Amino acid sequence: MPKYKYRCDDCGGTFLLVQKINETPETKCFLTVKDEVGTEDDVRCLGSVKRVPSAGGFVLNGKGWFKDGY
């Protein structure tokens, strides 16, 4: 399954999610705003998120391909 990178419009945080291609994209941020995660004082951002384009892993293997980009 592919990994999708998301960026929050409110807190500016980024996170990766492993999702199916046909799964609906995430719409809410679930990152913790305060420093201490897991305490009673932690606050979730819940801002709107968007998918960030990222370069996929692409490797040319086999006879005739060079590692320096040819």
C-alpha atoms as a PDB file:
ATOM      1  CA  MET A   1       0.000   0.000   0.000  1.00  0.00           C
ATOM      2  CA  PRO A   2       1.268   3.490  -0.793  1.00  0.00           C
ATOM      3  CA  LYS A   3       2.289   6.062   1.796  1.00  0.00           C
ATOM      4  CA  TYR A   4       0.725   9.513   1.577  1.00  0.00           C
ATOM      5  CA  LYS A   5       2.190  12.623   3.182  1.00  0.00           C
ATOM      6  CA  TYR A   6      -0.209  15.167   4.670  1.00  0.00           C
ATOM      7  CA  ARG A   7       0.380  18.753   5.882  1.00  0.00           C
ATOM      8  CA  CYS A   8      -1.908  20.560   8.325  1.00  0.00           C
ATOM      9  CA  ASP A   9      -3.038  24.081   7.388  1.00  0.00           C
ATOM     10  CA  ASP A  10      -3.451  25.106  11.043  1.00  0.00           C
ATOM     11  CA  CYS A  11      -0.457  23.726  12.965  1.00  0.00           C
ATOM     12  CA  GLY A  12       1.871  23.193   9.982  1.00  0.00           C
ATOM     13  CA  GLY A  13       2.706  19.652  11.056  1.00  0.00           C
ATOM     14  CA  THR A  14       3.268  16.803   8.595  1.00  0.00           C
ATOM     15  CA  PHE A  15       2.572  13.089   8.908  1.00  0.00           C
ATOM     16  CA  LEU A  16       2.551   9.961   6.779  1.00  0.00           C
ATOM     17  CA  LEU A  17      -0.371   7.575   6.390  1.00  0.00           C
ATOM     18  CA  VAL A  18      -0.417   4.177   4.739  1.00  0.00           C
ATOM     19  CA  GLN A  19      -3.659   4.017   2.765  1.00  0.00           C
ATOM     20  CA  LYS A  20      -5.203   2.066  -0.059  1.00  0.00           C
ATOM     21  CA  ILE A  21      -5.391   3.873  -3.398  1.00  0.00           C
ATOM     22  CA  ASN A  22      -9.197   3.850  -3.385  1.00  0.00           C
ATOM     23  CA  GLU A  23      -9.457   4.945   0.277  1.00  0.00           C
ATOM     24  CA  THR A  24     -10.795   8.452   0.936  1.00  0.00           C
ATOM     25  CA  PRO A  25      -8.097  11.004   1.837  1.00  0.00           C
ATOM     26  CA  GLU A  26      -7.723  12.188   5.424  1.00  0.00           C
ATOM     27  CA  THR A  27      -9.388  15.560   6.141  1.00  0.00           C
ATOM     28  CA  LYS A  28      -8.581  16.283   9.813  1.00  0.00           C
ATOM     29  CA  CYS A  29      -5.242  16.614  11.578  1.00  0.00           C
ATOM     30  CA  PHE A  30      -4.733  14.300  14.542  1.00  0.00           C
ATOM     31  CA  LEU A  31      -1.341  15.604  15.682  1.00  0.00           C
ATOM     32  CA  THR A  32      -0.810  16.696  19.270  1.00  0.00           C
ATOM     33  CA  VAL A  33      -0.223  20.425  19.635  1.00  0.00           C
ATOM     34  CA  LYS A  34       1.374  20.414  23.099  1.00  0.00           C
ATOM     35  CA  ASP A  35       4.763  18.875  23.857  1.00  0.00           C
ATOM     36  CA  GLU A  36       3.711  16.160  26.294  1.00  0.00           C
ATOM     37  CA  VAL A  37       1.883  13.439  24.383  1.00  0.00           C
ATOM     38  CA  GLY A  38      -0.307  11.094  26.370  1.00  0.00           C
ATOM     39  CA  THR A  39      -0.996  13.367  29.319  1.00  0.00           C
ATOM     40  CA  GLU A  40      -4.348  14.799  30.297  1.00  0.00           C
ATOM     41  CA  ASP A  41      -3.254  18.188  28.954  1.00  0.00           C
ATOM     42  CA  ASP A  42      -2.549  17.094  25.377  1.00  0.00           C
ATOM     43  CA  VAL A  43      -4.622  18.856  22.731  1.00  0.00           C
ATOM     44  CA  ARG A  44      -5.344  17.536  19.248  1.00  0.00           C
ATOM     45  CA  CYS A  45      -5.073  20.037  16.412  1.00  0.00           C
ATOM     46  CA  LEU A  46      -8.064  18.815  14.312  1.00  0.00           C
ATOM     47  CA  GLY A  47      -7.231  21.349  11.566  1.00  0.00           C
ATOM     48  CA  SER A  48      -7.775  20.669   7.871  1.00  0.00           C
ATOM     49  CA  VAL A  49      -5.071  18.708   6.043  1.00  0.00           C
ATOM     50  CA  LYS A  50      -4.047  18.327   2.405  1.00  0.00           C
ATOM     51  CA  ARG A  51      -1.972  15.702   0.634  1.00  0.00           C
ATOM     52  CA  VAL A  52       1.533  16.867  -0.181  1.00  0.00           C
ATOM     53  CA  PRO A  53       3.086  15.605  -3.419  1.00  0.00           C
ATOM     54  CA  SER A  54       6.169  13.522  -2.760  1.00  0.00           C
ATOM     55  CA  ALA A  55       8.696  11.763  -4.930  1.00  0.00           C
ATOM     56  CA  GLY A  56       8.180   8.053  -5.149  1.00  0.00           C
ATOM     57  CA  GLY A  57      10.909   5.477  -5.011  1.00  0.00           C
ATOM     58  CA  PHE A  58      12.070   4.834  -8.569  1.00  0.00           C
ATOM     59  CA  VAL A  59      15.037   2.628  -9.362  1.00  0.00           C
ATOM     60  CA  LEU A  60      16.200   1.536 -12.802  1.00  0.00           C
ATOM     61  CA  ASN A  61      17.509  -2.020 -12.628  1.00  0.00           C
ATOM     62  CA  GLY A  62      18.926  -4.214 -15.331  1.00  0.00           C
ATOM     63  CA  LYS A  63      21.498  -4.117 -18.090  1.00  0.00           C
ATOM     64  CA  GLY A  64      22.160  -0.704 -19.634  1.00  0.00           C
ATOM     65  CA  TRP A  65      21.082   1.557 -16.766  1.00  0.00           C
ATOM     66  CA  PHE A  66      23.562   3.653 -14.813  1.00  0.00           C
ATOM     67  CA  LYS A  67      23.152   4.792 -11.217  1.00  0.00           C
ATOM     68  CA  ASP A  68      24.105   8.399 -12.028  1.00  0.00           C
ATOM     69  CA  GLY A  69      20.855   9.176 -13.862  1.00  0.00           C
ATOM     70  CA  TYR A  70      21.346   7.887 -17.418  1.00  0.00           C
END
